C-alpha atoms as a PDB file:
ATOM      1  CA  MET A   1     -18.502  35.582  69.348  1.00  0.00           C
ATOM      2  CA  ALA A   2     -22.054  36.756  68.846  1.00  0.00           C
ATOM      3  CA  LYS A   3     -21.001  39.722  66.729  1.00  0.00           C
ATOM      4  CA  GLU A   4     -18.718  37.595  64.651  1.00  0.00           C
ATOM      5  CA  LYS A   5     -21.502  35.148  64.006  1.00  0.00           C
ATOM      6  CA  LYS A   6     -23.854  38.001  62.914  1.00  0.00           C
ATOM      7  CA  LEU A   7     -21.202  39.042  60.405  1.00  0.00           C
ATOM      8  CA  VAL A   8     -21.072  35.653  58.947  1.00  0.00           C
ATOM      9  CA  GLU A   9     -24.812  35.494  58.689  1.00  0.00           C
ATOM     10  CA  ALA A  10     -24.950  38.975  56.895  1.00  0.00           C
ATOM     11  CA  ILE A  11     -23.303  37.580  53.734  1.00  0.00           C
ATOM     12  CA  THR A  12     -24.221  34.135  52.757  1.00  0.00           C
ATOM     13  CA  SER A  13     -21.424  31.783  51.889  1.00  0.00           C
ATOM     14  CA  MET A  14     -20.601  31.425  48.126  1.00  0.00           C
ATOM     15  CA  GLU A  15     -20.482  27.715  48.494  1.00  0.00           C
ATOM     16  CA  GLU A  16     -23.749  27.526  50.184  1.00  0.00           C
ATOM     17  CA  ASP A  17     -25.756  29.501  47.884  1.00  0.00           C
ATOM     18  CA  PHE A  18     -23.956  31.671  45.190  1.00  0.00           C
ATOM     19  CA  THR A  19     -26.949  33.495  43.887  1.00  0.00           C
ATOM     20  CA  GLN A  20     -27.840  34.659  47.512  1.00  0.00           C
ATOM     21  CA  TRP A  21     -24.023  35.567  48.043  1.00  0.00           C
ATOM     22  CA  TYR A  22     -23.957  37.843  45.088  1.00  0.00           C
ATOM     23  CA  THR A  23     -27.113  39.637  46.203  1.00  0.00           C
ATOM     24  CA  ASP A  24     -25.810  40.044  49.694  1.00  0.00           C
ATOM     25  CA  VAL A  25     -22.668  41.662  48.479  1.00  0.00           C
ATOM     26  CA  VAL A  26     -24.241  44.075  46.097  1.00  0.00           C
ATOM     27  CA  LYS A  27     -26.660  45.147  48.854  1.00  0.00           C
ATOM     28  CA  LYS A  28     -24.061  45.418  51.524  1.00  0.00           C
ATOM     29  CA  ALA A  29     -21.596  47.383  49.290  1.00  0.00           C
ATOM     30  CA  GLU A  30     -24.539  49.712  48.770  1.00  0.00           C
ATOM     31  CA  LEU A  31     -24.440  49.451  45.000  1.00  0.00           C
ATOM     32  CA  MET A  32     -28.257  48.929  44.607  1.00  0.00           C
ATOM     33  CA  ASP A  33     -31.603  48.848  46.266  1.00  0.00           C
ATOM     34  CA  TYR A  34     -34.939  47.226  45.194  1.00  0.00           C
ATOM     35  CA  SER A  35     -37.709  49.289  43.709  1.00  0.00           C
ATOM     36  CA  SER A  36     -41.482  49.180  44.115  1.00  0.00           C
ATOM     37  CA  VAL A  37     -41.693  48.702  40.352  1.00  0.00           C
ATOM     38  CA  LYS A  38     -41.322  44.743  39.914  1.00  0.00           C
ATOM     39  CA  GLY A  39     -38.066  43.791  38.026  1.00  0.00           C
ATOM     40  CA  CYS A  40     -36.578  47.216  38.159  1.00  0.00           C
ATOM     41  CA  MET A  41     -33.863  48.568  40.670  1.00  0.00           C
ATOM     42  CA  ILE A  42     -32.299  51.504  42.063  1.00  0.00           C
ATOM     43  CA  PHE A  43     -28.810  52.633  41.347  1.00  0.00           C
ATOM     44  CA  LYS A  44     -27.251  53.856  44.701  1.00  0.00           C
ATOM     45  CA  PRO A  45     -24.302  56.202  44.377  1.00  0.00           C
ATOM     46  CA  ASN A  46     -21.683  53.660  44.663  1.00  0.00           C
ATOM     47  CA  GLY A  47     -23.323  51.577  42.001  1.00  0.00           C
ATOM     48  CA  TYR A  48     -24.112  54.523  39.665  1.00  0.00           C
ATOM     49  CA  ALA A  49     -20.424  55.918  39.958  1.00  0.00           C
ATOM     50  CA  ILE A  50     -19.158  52.626  38.255  1.00  0.00           C
ATOM     51  CA  TRP A  51     -21.470  53.199  35.419  1.00  0.00           C
ATOM     52  CA  GLU A  52     -20.447  56.909  35.116  1.00  0.00           C
ATOM     53  CA  ASN A  53     -16.746  55.649  34.768  1.00  0.00           C
ATOM     54  CA  ILE A  54     -17.718  53.078  32.399  1.00  0.00           C
ATOM     55  CA  GLN A  55     -19.370  55.720  30.238  1.00  0.00           C
ATOM     56  CA  LYS A  56     -16.329  58.075  30.424  1.00  0.00           C
ATOM     57  CA  ASN A  57     -13.799  55.623  29.564  1.00  0.00           C
ATOM     58  CA  LEU A  58     -15.682  53.581  26.969  1.00  0.00           C
ATOM     59  CA  ASP A  59     -16.999  56.644  25.289  1.00  0.00           C
ATOM     60  CA  ALA A  60     -13.448  58.062  24.916  1.00  0.00           C
ATOM     61  CA  MET A  61     -12.407  54.785  23.239  1.00  0.00           C
ATOM     62  CA  PHE A  62     -15.382  54.936  20.829  1.00  0.00           C
ATOM     63  CA  LYS A  63     -14.715  58.418  19.692  1.00  0.00           C
ATOM     64  CA  GLU A  64     -11.213  57.644  18.875  1.00  0.00           C
ATOM     65  CA  THR A  65     -12.498  55.453  16.151  1.00  0.00           C
ATOM     66  CA  GLY A  66     -14.887  58.170  14.877  1.00  0.00           C
ATOM     67  CA  VAL A  67     -18.093  57.365  16.766  1.00  0.00           C
ATOM     68  CA  GLU A  68     -20.565  60.209  17.260  1.00  0.00           C
ATOM     69  CA  ASN A  69     -23.195  60.247  20.025  1.00  0.00           C
ATOM     70  CA  VAL A  70     -26.746  60.918  19.444  1.00  0.00           C
ATOM     71  CA  TYR A  71     -30.196  60.148  21.366  1.00  0.00           C
ATOM     72  CA  MET A  72     -33.151  58.625  20.035  1.00  0.00           C
ATOM     73  CA  PRO A  73     -36.733  58.495  21.304  1.00  0.00           C
ATOM     74  CA  MET A  74     -37.794  56.083  24.095  1.00  0.00           C
ATOM     75  CA  PHE A  75     -40.951  55.091  22.203  1.00  0.00           C
ATOM     76  CA  ILE A  76     -41.291  53.180  18.965  1.00  0.00           C
ATOM     77  CA  PRO A  77     -44.527  53.039  16.798  1.00  0.00           C
ATOM     78  CA  GLU A  78     -45.706  49.474  16.387  1.00  0.00           C
ATOM     79  CA  SER A  79     -45.810  49.927  12.607  1.00  0.00           C
ATOM     80  CA  LEU A  80     -42.083  50.786  12.514  1.00  0.00           C
ATOM     81  CA  LEU A  81     -41.038  47.919  14.795  1.00  0.00           C
ATOM     82  CA  GLN A  82     -43.039  45.545  12.458  1.00  0.00           C
ATOM     83  CA  LYS A  83     -40.878  46.485   9.454  1.00  0.00           C
ATOM     84  CA  GLU A  84     -38.075  43.842  10.081  1.00  0.00           C
ATOM     85  CA  LYS A  85     -40.020  40.601  10.639  1.00  0.00           C
ATOM     86  CA  ASP A  86     -37.222  38.577  12.222  1.00  0.00           C
ATOM     87  CA  HIS A  87     -36.349  41.410  14.523  1.00  0.00           C
ATOM     88  CA  VAL A  88     -39.756  42.071  15.949  1.00  0.00           C
ATOM     89  CA  GLU A  89     -40.517  38.170  16.366  1.00  0.00           C
ATOM     90  CA  GLY A  90     -37.183  38.019  18.394  1.00  0.00           C
ATOM     91  CA  PHE A  91     -38.344  40.810  20.801  1.00  0.00           C
ATOM     92  CA  ALA A  92     -42.069  40.241  21.021  1.00  0.00           C
ATOM     93  CA  PRO A  93     -42.294  38.343  24.303  1.00  0.00           C
ATOM     94  CA  GLU A  94     -40.207  41.022  26.119  1.00  0.00           C
ATOM     95  CA  VAL A  95     -41.798  44.321  24.579  1.00  0.00           C
ATOM     96  CA  ALA A  96     -43.712  46.802  26.917  1.00  0.00           C
ATOM     97  CA  TRP A  97     -46.209  48.711  25.174  1.00  0.00           C
ATOM     98  CA  VAL A  98     -47.926  52.053  25.885  1.00  0.00           C
ATOM     99  CA  THR A  99     -51.672  52.112  24.774  1.00  0.00           C
ATOM    100  CA  GLN A 100     -52.915  55.152  26.530  1.00  0.00           C
ATOM    101  CA  GLY A 101     -51.695  58.758  26.727  1.00  0.00           C
ATOM    102  CA  GLY A 102     -53.249  60.923  29.360  1.00  0.00           C
ATOM    103  CA  LEU A 103     -57.043  60.094  29.235  1.00  0.00           C
ATOM    104  CA  GLU A 104     -57.032  59.073  25.586  1.00  0.00           C
ATOM    105  CA  THR A 105     -56.431  55.688  23.915  1.00  0.00           C
ATOM    106  CA  LEU A 106     -53.715  56.004  21.363  1.00  0.00           C
ATOM    107  CA  GLN A 107     -54.491  55.089  17.755  1.00  0.00           C
ATOM    108  CA  GLU A 108     -51.309  53.050  17.519  1.00  0.00           C
ATOM    109  CA  ARG A 109     -49.421  51.185  20.294  1.00  0.00           C
ATOM    110  CA  LEU A 110     -46.092  52.521  21.191  1.00  0.00           C
ATOM    111  CA  ALA A 111     -43.300  50.143  22.222  1.00  0.00           C
ATOM    112  CA  VAL A 112     -41.159  51.235  25.112  1.00  0.00           C
ATOM    113  CA  ARG A 113     -37.759  50.875  23.450  1.00  0.00           C
ATOM    114  CA  PRO A 114     -36.249  47.288  23.764  1.00  0.00           C
ATOM    115  CA  THR A 115     -33.498  48.330  21.377  1.00  0.00           C
ATOM    116  CA  SER A 116     -33.305  51.043  18.794  1.00  0.00           C
ATOM    117  CA  GLU A 117     -32.528  49.378  15.287  1.00  0.00           C
ATOM    118  CA  THR A 118     -35.659  50.408  13.785  1.00  0.00           C
ATOM    119  CA  LEU A 119     -35.364  54.121  15.017  1.00  0.00           C
ATOM    120  CA  PHE A 120     -31.854  54.261  13.667  1.00  0.00           C
ATOM    121  CA  CYS A 121     -32.873  52.618  10.354  1.00  0.00           C
ATOM    122  CA  GLU A 122     -35.584  55.320   9.971  1.00  0.00           C
ATOM    123  CA  LEU A 123     -32.959  57.994  10.420  1.00  0.00           C
ATOM    124  CA  PHE A 124     -30.451  56.402   8.118  1.00  0.00           C
ATOM    125  CA  SER A 125     -33.103  56.216   5.346  1.00  0.00           C
ATOM    126  CA  LYS A 126     -33.627  59.810   5.556  1.00  0.00           C
ATOM    127  CA  THR A 127     -30.070  61.026   5.737  1.00  0.00           C
ATOM    128  CA  VAL A 128     -28.116  58.758   3.494  1.00  0.00           C
ATOM    129  CA  GLN A 129     -28.391  59.338  -0.237  1.00  0.00           C
ATOM    130  CA  SER A 130     -25.002  59.310  -1.622  1.00  0.00           C
ATOM    131  CA  HIS A 131     -21.636  57.525  -0.922  1.00  0.00           C
ATOM    132  CA  ARG A 132     -20.387  60.742   0.355  1.00  0.00           C
ATOM    133  CA  ASP A 133     -22.758  60.313   3.284  1.00  0.00           C
ATOM    134  CA  LEU A 134     -21.083  57.170   4.473  1.00  0.00           C
ATOM    135  CA  PRO A 135     -20.190  55.804   6.854  1.00  0.00           C
ATOM    136  CA  LYS A 136     -22.626  56.900   9.483  1.00  0.00           C
ATOM    137  CA  VAL A 137     -21.183  55.881  12.901  1.00  0.00           C
ATOM    138  CA  TYR A 138     -23.488  56.538  15.790  1.00  0.00           C
ATOM    139  CA  ASN A 139     -23.886  55.618  19.443  1.00  0.00           C
ATOM    140  CA  GLN A 140     -26.475  56.370  22.193  1.00  0.00           C
ATOM    141  CA  TRP A 141     -26.296  56.072  25.915  1.00  0.00           C
ATOM    142  CA  CYS A 142     -29.647  55.234  27.227  1.00  0.00           C
ATOM    143  CA  SER A 143     -31.868  52.636  29.032  1.00  0.00           C
ATOM    144  CA  VAL A 144     -34.066  50.012  27.504  1.00  0.00           C
ATOM    145  CA  VAL A 145     -36.891  47.974  28.712  1.00  0.00           C
ATOM    146  CA  ARG A 146     -37.312  44.259  28.400  1.00  0.00           C
ATOM    147  CA  TRP A 147     -40.186  42.646  30.377  1.00  0.00           C
ATOM    148  CA  GLU A 148     -38.200  39.831  32.061  1.00  0.00           C
ATOM    149  CA  LYS A 149     -39.962  36.979  33.887  1.00  0.00           C
ATOM    150  CA  THR A 150     -36.973  36.315  36.180  1.00  0.00           C
ATOM    151  CA  THR A 151     -34.691  39.214  37.310  1.00  0.00           C
ATOM    152  CA  ARG A 152     -31.495  39.620  39.215  1.00  0.00           C
ATOM    153  CA  PRO A 153     -29.895  42.786  40.375  1.00  0.00           C
ATOM    154  CA  PHE A 154     -27.608  44.184  37.521  1.00  0.00           C
ATOM    155  CA  LEU A 155     -27.492  41.042  35.622  1.00  0.00           C
ATOM    156  CA  ARG A 156     -31.163  40.917  34.424  1.00  0.00           C
ATOM    157  CA  SER A 157     -33.669  43.483  35.116  1.00  0.00           C
ATOM    158  CA  SER A 158     -36.585  44.919  33.213  1.00  0.00           C
ATOM    159  CA  GLU A 159     -35.038  48.261  32.621  1.00  0.00           C
ATOM    160  CA  PHE A 160     -31.294  48.353  32.300  1.00  0.00           C
ATOM    161  CA  LEU A 161     -28.630  50.848  31.189  1.00  0.00           C
ATOM    162  CA  TRP A 162     -26.440  50.313  28.238  1.00  0.00           C
ATOM    163  CA  GLN A 163     -25.010  51.923  25.160  1.00  0.00           C
ATOM    164  CA  GLU A 164     -25.968  50.943  21.691  1.00  0.00           C
ATOM    165  CA  GLY A 165     -23.998  51.844  18.500  1.00  0.00           C
ATOM    166  CA  HIS A 166     -25.570  51.757  15.032  1.00  0.00           C
ATOM    167  CA  THR A 167     -23.686  52.218  11.747  1.00  0.00           C
ATOM    168  CA  VAL A 168     -24.194  52.047   7.992  1.00  0.00           C
ATOM    169  CA  HIS A 169     -21.440  51.372   5.385  1.00  0.00           C
ATOM    170  CA  ALA A 170     -21.068  51.365   1.752  1.00  0.00           C
ATOM    171  CA  THR A 171     -19.732  47.736   1.516  1.00  0.00           C
ATOM    172  CA  ALA A 172     -20.005  44.232   3.298  1.00  0.00           C
ATOM    173  CA  GLU A 173     -16.291  44.505   4.046  1.00  0.00           C
ATOM    174  CA  GLU A 174     -16.450  47.855   5.779  1.00  0.00           C
ATOM    175  CA  ALA A 175     -19.456  46.592   7.925  1.00  0.00           C
ATOM    176  CA  GLU A 176     -17.636  43.490   8.959  1.00  0.00           C
ATOM    177  CA  GLU A 177     -14.591  45.402   9.832  1.00  0.00           C
ATOM    178  CA  ARG A 178     -16.424  47.711  12.038  1.00  0.00           C
ATOM    179  CA  THR A 179     -18.245  44.778  13.721  1.00  0.00           C
ATOM    180  CA  VAL A 180     -14.993  43.233  14.685  1.00  0.00           C
ATOM    181  CA  GLN A 181     -13.485  46.561  15.578  1.00  0.00           C
ATOM    182  CA  MET A 182     -16.058  47.234  18.106  1.00  0.00           C
ATOM    183  CA  LEU A 183     -15.838  43.637  19.627  1.00  0.00           C
ATOM    184  CA  ASN A 184     -12.024  44.103  20.159  1.00  0.00           C
ATOM    185  CA  ILE A 185     -12.773  47.605  21.688  1.00  0.00           C
ATOM    186  CA  TYR A 186     -15.128  45.789  24.383  1.00  0.00           C
ATOM    187  CA  ALA A 187     -12.569  43.131  25.044  1.00  0.00           C
ATOM    188  CA  ASP A 188      -9.617  45.668  25.450  1.00  0.00           C
ATOM    189  CA  PHE A 189     -11.935  47.820  27.857  1.00  0.00           C
ATOM    190  CA  CYS A 190     -12.867  44.862  29.945  1.00  0.00           C
ATOM    191  CA  GLU A 191      -9.196  43.656  30.301  1.00  0.00           C
ATOM    192  CA  LYS A 192      -7.679  47.137  30.884  1.00  0.00           C
ATOM    193  CA  TYR A 193     -10.321  48.805  33.056  1.00  0.00           C
ATOM    194  CA  LEU A 194     -12.158  45.909  34.731  1.00  0.00           C
ATOM    195  CA  ALA A 195      -9.276  43.460  34.844  1.00  0.00           C
ATOM    196  CA  ILE A 196     -11.348  40.574  33.465  1.00  0.00           C
ATOM    197  CA  PRO A 197     -10.036  38.542  30.563  1.00  0.00           C
ATOM    198  CA  MET A 198     -12.620  37.855  27.879  1.00  0.00           C
ATOM    199  CA  VAL A 199     -13.218  35.091  25.345  1.00  0.00           C
ATOM    200  CA  LYS A 200     -14.142  36.416  22.036  1.00  0.00           C
ATOM    201  CA  GLY A 201     -16.257  34.255  19.596  1.00  0.00           C
ATOM    202  CA  ARG A 202     -19.276  34.173  17.094  1.00  0.00           C
ATOM    203  CA  LYS A 203     -22.690  32.928  18.030  1.00  0.00           C
ATOM    204  CA  THR A 204     -24.405  30.098  16.331  1.00  0.00           C
ATOM    205  CA  ASP A 205     -27.263  30.763  14.014  1.00  0.00           C
ATOM    206  CA  LYS A 206     -29.678  29.894  16.676  1.00  0.00           C
ATOM    207  CA  GLU A 207     -28.099  32.170  19.136  1.00  0.00           C
ATOM    208  CA  LYS A 208     -27.393  35.214  17.030  1.00  0.00           C
ATOM    209  CA  PHE A 209     -29.320  38.349  17.263  1.00  0.00           C
ATOM    210  CA  ALA A 210     -32.788  38.662  15.669  1.00  0.00           C
ATOM    211  CA  GLY A 211     -32.413  39.870  12.123  1.00  0.00           C
ATOM    212  CA  ALA A 212     -28.495  39.733  12.217  1.00  0.00           C
ATOM    213  CA  GLU A 213     -26.196  38.015   9.752  1.00  0.00           C
ATOM    214  CA  ALA A 214     -23.583  37.365  12.408  1.00  0.00           C
ATOM    215  CA  THR A 215     -23.363  38.137  16.129  1.00  0.00           C
ATOM    216  CA  TYR A 216     -20.005  38.307  17.929  1.00  0.00           C
ATOM    217  CA  THR A 217     -19.642  38.281  21.640  1.00  0.00           C
ATOM    218  CA  ILE A 218     -17.104  38.685  24.454  1.00  0.00           C
ATOM    219  CA  GLU A 219     -17.753  36.267  27.345  1.00  0.00           C
ATOM    220  CA  ALA A 220     -16.311  36.011  30.851  1.00  0.00           C
ATOM    221  CA  LEU A 221     -15.662  32.684  32.679  1.00  0.00           C
ATOM    222  CA  MET A 222     -17.885  32.135  35.660  1.00  0.00           C
ATOM    223  CA  HIS A 223     -16.878  30.297  38.877  1.00  0.00           C
ATOM    224  CA  ASP A 224     -18.847  27.234  37.744  1.00  0.00           C
ATOM    225  CA  GLY A 225     -17.219  27.134  34.226  1.00  0.00           C
ATOM    226  CA  LYS A 226     -20.160  28.738  32.652  1.00  0.00           C
ATOM    227  CA  ALA A 227     -19.761  31.729  30.234  1.00  0.00           C
ATOM    228  CA  LEU A 228     -21.337  35.211  30.859  1.00  0.00           C
ATOM    229  CA  GLN A 229     -22.061  37.104  27.696  1.00  0.00           C
ATOM    230  CA  SER A 230     -20.587  40.621  28.418  1.00  0.00           C
ATOM    231  CA  GLY A 231     -20.785  42.554  25.050  1.00  0.00           C
ATOM    232  CA  THR A 232     -22.190  42.019  21.631  1.00  0.00           C
ATOM    233  CA  SER A 233     -21.400  43.118  18.109  1.00  0.00           C
ATOM    234  CA  HIS A 234     -23.662  42.381  15.279  1.00  0.00           C
ATOM    235  CA  ASN A 235     -23.211  42.508  11.419  1.00  0.00           C
ATOM    236  CA  PHE A 236     -26.769  43.140   9.928  1.00  0.00           C
ATOM    237  CA  GLY A 237     -25.497  42.876   6.327  1.00  0.00           C
ATOM    238  CA  ASP A 238     -28.189  44.454   4.084  1.00  0.00           C
ATOM    239  CA  GLY A 239     -31.277  42.957   5.816  1.00  0.00           C
ATOM    240  CA  PHE A 240     -32.406  46.055   7.714  1.00  0.00           C
ATOM    241  CA  PRO A 241     -31.415  48.413   4.721  1.00  0.00           C
ATOM    242  CA  LYS A 242     -33.683  46.480   2.500  1.00  0.00           C
ATOM    243  CA  ALA A 243     -36.524  46.594   4.929  1.00  0.00           C
ATOM    244  CA  PHE A 244     -36.196  50.322   5.495  1.00  0.00           C
ATOM    245  CA  GLY A 245     -34.871  51.443   1.987  1.00  0.00           C
ATOM    246  CA  ILE A 246     -31.579  52.537   3.133  1.00  0.00           C
ATOM    247  CA  GLN A 247     -29.743  53.288  -0.291  1.00  0.00           C
ATOM    248  CA  TYR A 248     -27.070  55.402  -1.635  1.00  0.00           C
ATOM    249  CA  THR A 249     -25.755  56.283  -5.062  1.00  0.00           C
ATOM    250  CA  ASP A 250     -22.161  54.905  -5.659  1.00  0.00           C
ATOM    251  CA  LYS A 251     -19.337  56.502  -7.368  1.00  0.00           C
ATOM    252  CA  ASP A 252     -20.742  55.172 -10.792  1.00  0.00           C
ATOM    253  CA  ASN A 253     -24.006  56.753  -9.927  1.00  0.00           C
ATOM    254  CA  LYS A 254     -25.680  53.360  -9.335  1.00  0.00           C
ATOM    255  CA  LEU A 255     -28.122  52.754  -6.548  1.00  0.00           C
ATOM    256  CA  GLN A 256     -26.844  50.319  -3.849  1.00  0.00           C
ATOM    257  CA  TYR A 257     -28.060  49.140  -0.482  1.00  0.00           C
ATOM    258  CA  CYS A 258     -25.918  49.915   2.584  1.00  0.00           C
ATOM    259  CA  HIS A 259     -24.489  47.417   5.050  1.00  0.00           C
ATOM    260  CA  GLU A 260     -25.294  47.810   8.733  1.00  0.00           C
ATOM    261  CA  THR A 261     -23.845  46.975  12.148  1.00  0.00           C
ATOM    262  CA  SER A 262     -24.941  47.300  15.722  1.00  0.00           C
ATOM    263  CA  TRP A 263     -23.017  46.722  18.975  1.00  0.00           C
ATOM    264  CA  ALA A 264     -24.083  46.978  22.711  1.00  0.00           C
ATOM    265  CA  PHE A 265     -22.535  46.833  26.249  1.00  0.00           C
ATOM    266  CA  GLN A 266     -24.812  46.574  29.141  1.00  0.00           C
ATOM    267  CA  HIS A 267     -24.290  48.305  32.545  1.00  0.00           C
ATOM    268  CA  VAL A 268     -21.169  47.369  34.472  1.00  0.00           C
ATOM    269  CA  LEU A 269     -22.519  44.840  37.029  1.00  0.00           C
ATOM    270  CA  SER A 270     -22.976  42.259  34.343  1.00  0.00           C
ATOM    271  CA  GLU A 271     -19.098  42.455  34.384  1.00  0.00           C
ATOM    272  CA  LEU A 272     -19.020  42.913  38.153  1.00  0.00           C
ATOM    273  CA  LEU A 273     -20.652  39.620  38.611  1.00  0.00           C
ATOM    274  CA  SER A 274     -17.801  37.941  36.676  1.00  0.00           C
ATOM    275  CA  TRP A 275     -15.337  39.664  39.055  1.00  0.00           C
ATOM    276  CA  PHE A 276     -17.169  38.412  41.945  1.00  0.00           C
ATOM    277  CA  THR A 277     -17.387  34.773  40.796  1.00  0.00           C
ATOM    278  CA  GLU A 278     -13.615  34.494  40.532  1.00  0.00           C
ATOM    279  CA  MET A 279     -12.974  35.781  44.213  1.00  0.00           C
ATOM    280  CA  THR A 280     -11.763  33.052  46.635  1.00  0.00           C
ATOM    281  CA  GLN A 281      -9.358  35.088  48.593  1.00  0.00           C
ATOM    282  CA  ASP A 282      -9.340  38.881  49.626  1.00  0.00           C
ATOM    283  CA  SER A 283      -9.913  40.909  46.525  1.00  0.00           C
ATOM    284  CA  CYS A 284     -10.274  44.320  45.291  1.00  0.00           C
ATOM    285  CA  PHE A 285     -12.426  45.813  42.621  1.00  0.00           C
ATOM    286  CA  HIS A 286     -10.515  47.787  39.864  1.00  0.00           C
ATOM    287  CA  GLN A 287      -9.855  51.297  41.300  1.00  0.00           C
ATOM    288  CA  ARG A 288     -10.091  52.947  37.808  1.00  0.00           C
ATOM    289  CA  LEU A 289     -13.891  52.406  37.768  1.00  0.00           C
ATOM    290  CA  HIS A 290     -15.055  52.821  41.417  1.00  0.00           C
ATOM    291  CA  GLN A 291     -15.261  55.904  43.453  1.00  0.00           C
ATOM    292  CA  HIS A 292     -14.250  53.833  46.490  1.00  0.00           C
ATOM    293  CA  ARG A 293     -12.021  50.829  46.816  1.00  0.00           C
ATOM    294  CA  LEU A 294     -14.193  47.795  47.480  1.00  0.00           C
ATOM    295  CA  TRP A 295     -12.767  44.950  49.380  1.00  0.00           C
ATOM    296  CA  LEU A 296     -14.567  41.605  50.121  1.00  0.00           C
ATOM    297  CA  PHE A 297     -12.700  39.926  52.888  1.00  0.00           C
ATOM    298  CA  GLN A 298     -13.383  36.017  53.261  1.00  0.00           C
ATOM    299  CA  SER A 299     -11.894  33.758  55.860  1.00  0.00           C
ATOM    300  CA  SER A 300     -13.085  30.798  57.743  1.00  0.00           C
ATOM    301  CA  SER A 301     -14.349  32.889  60.588  1.00  0.00           C
ATOM    302  CA  ARG A 302     -15.320  36.230  59.088  1.00  0.00           C
ATOM    303  CA  ARG A 303     -17.025  37.456  55.695  1.00  0.00           C
ATOM    304  CA  MET A 304     -17.156  41.243  55.633  1.00  0.00           C
ATOM    305  CA  VAL A 305     -17.292  43.991  52.819  1.00  0.00           C
ATOM    306  CA  TYR A 306     -15.259  47.181  53.326  1.00  0.00           C
ATOM    307  CA  LEU A 307     -15.547  50.458  51.289  1.00  0.00           C
ATOM    308  CA  THR A 308     -12.413  52.430  51.400  1.00  0.00           C
ATOM    309  CA  ARG A 309     -12.699  56.049  50.395  1.00  0.00           C
ATOM    310  CA  HIS A 310      -9.646  57.736  48.846  1.00  0.00           C
ATOM    311  CA  THR A 311      -9.005  61.507  49.478  1.00  0.00           C
ATOM    312  CA  THR A 312      -5.959  63.662  48.931  1.00  0.00           C
ATOM    313  CA  SER A 313      -5.284  63.856  52.636  1.00  0.00           C
ATOM    314  CA  ARG A 314      -6.416  60.661  54.072  1.00  0.00           C
ATOM    315  CA  THR A 315      -7.797  57.189  53.552  1.00  0.00           C
ATOM    316  CA  SER A 316     -10.732  56.213  55.534  1.00  0.00           C
ATOM    317  CA  SER A 317     -12.497  52.763  55.742  1.00  0.00           C
ATOM    318  CA  GLN A 318     -16.057  51.887  56.441  1.00  0.00           C
ATOM    319  CA  ARG A 319     -16.918  48.344  57.372  1.00  0.00           C
ATOM    320  CA  ILE A 320     -20.436  47.202  56.131  1.00  0.00           C
ATOM    321  CA  SER A 321     -21.951  44.601  58.130  1.00  0.00           C
ATOM    322  CA  ALA A 322     -25.337  43.693  59.489  1.00  0.00           C
END
């Protein structure tokens, strides 16, 4: 009886404290650990394996639509970040700044990448001259830093893993088509690989991304009826191109501004949280994305997490308890 009581205490009841229940589960499943850096966390092998499989499968879906991968610098000069007024105002409270390099004070502050719109715009302004150069459809897999006041493992941290896509097009219609196309890819991925149904919609003007004309999202329903934003796709129109001088000559040899999009998907545990919230009976994480099969057993007398490792010759299980 003492051992059984200890197992119950190891994972808090969802009904008692949902936040603590979630934290207990991701720790007992050895998905993460806390870092000495406030607001940051350590991806343990079980947690990072999920992200690796996210990358592999989602990247393949991207490339089927003509997306090419690039990598941009982690640091953004303050003068470059300031070029799009609405954009910088939206991120200002969350930006981390580098003011010193080695023993020298920098002449200009460098932002630690909160997102990469300005870097991509600078690239597009240099590489797009003619309609023959369009469209440019780029994506990068990276981490970003946003100085959060309140953090929670995987759901909200100061540094997080994600992918961010950035494209430029000749017409507003092409940009809108790409914006919606990427939203649908996110929704299809979540339903096919995460087994989580999504609600697609458009954000209000107050909720949309800073500098965007329109923001579309996929959202998962939580256990309490609230929605968890799980992926976003933005139509920037010609706002960023005008700020950064991204122009091309059309077929009539007239100079036109490009139309831009951006879309992003954060690391998997934002989605995994949705999966956890819907569990009231014995449940299993989608095998396509995890190197182990993760079971959470709940009953009136016991609450335990199991990791089941699949090999070609045998299946072994490890119970995770206190």
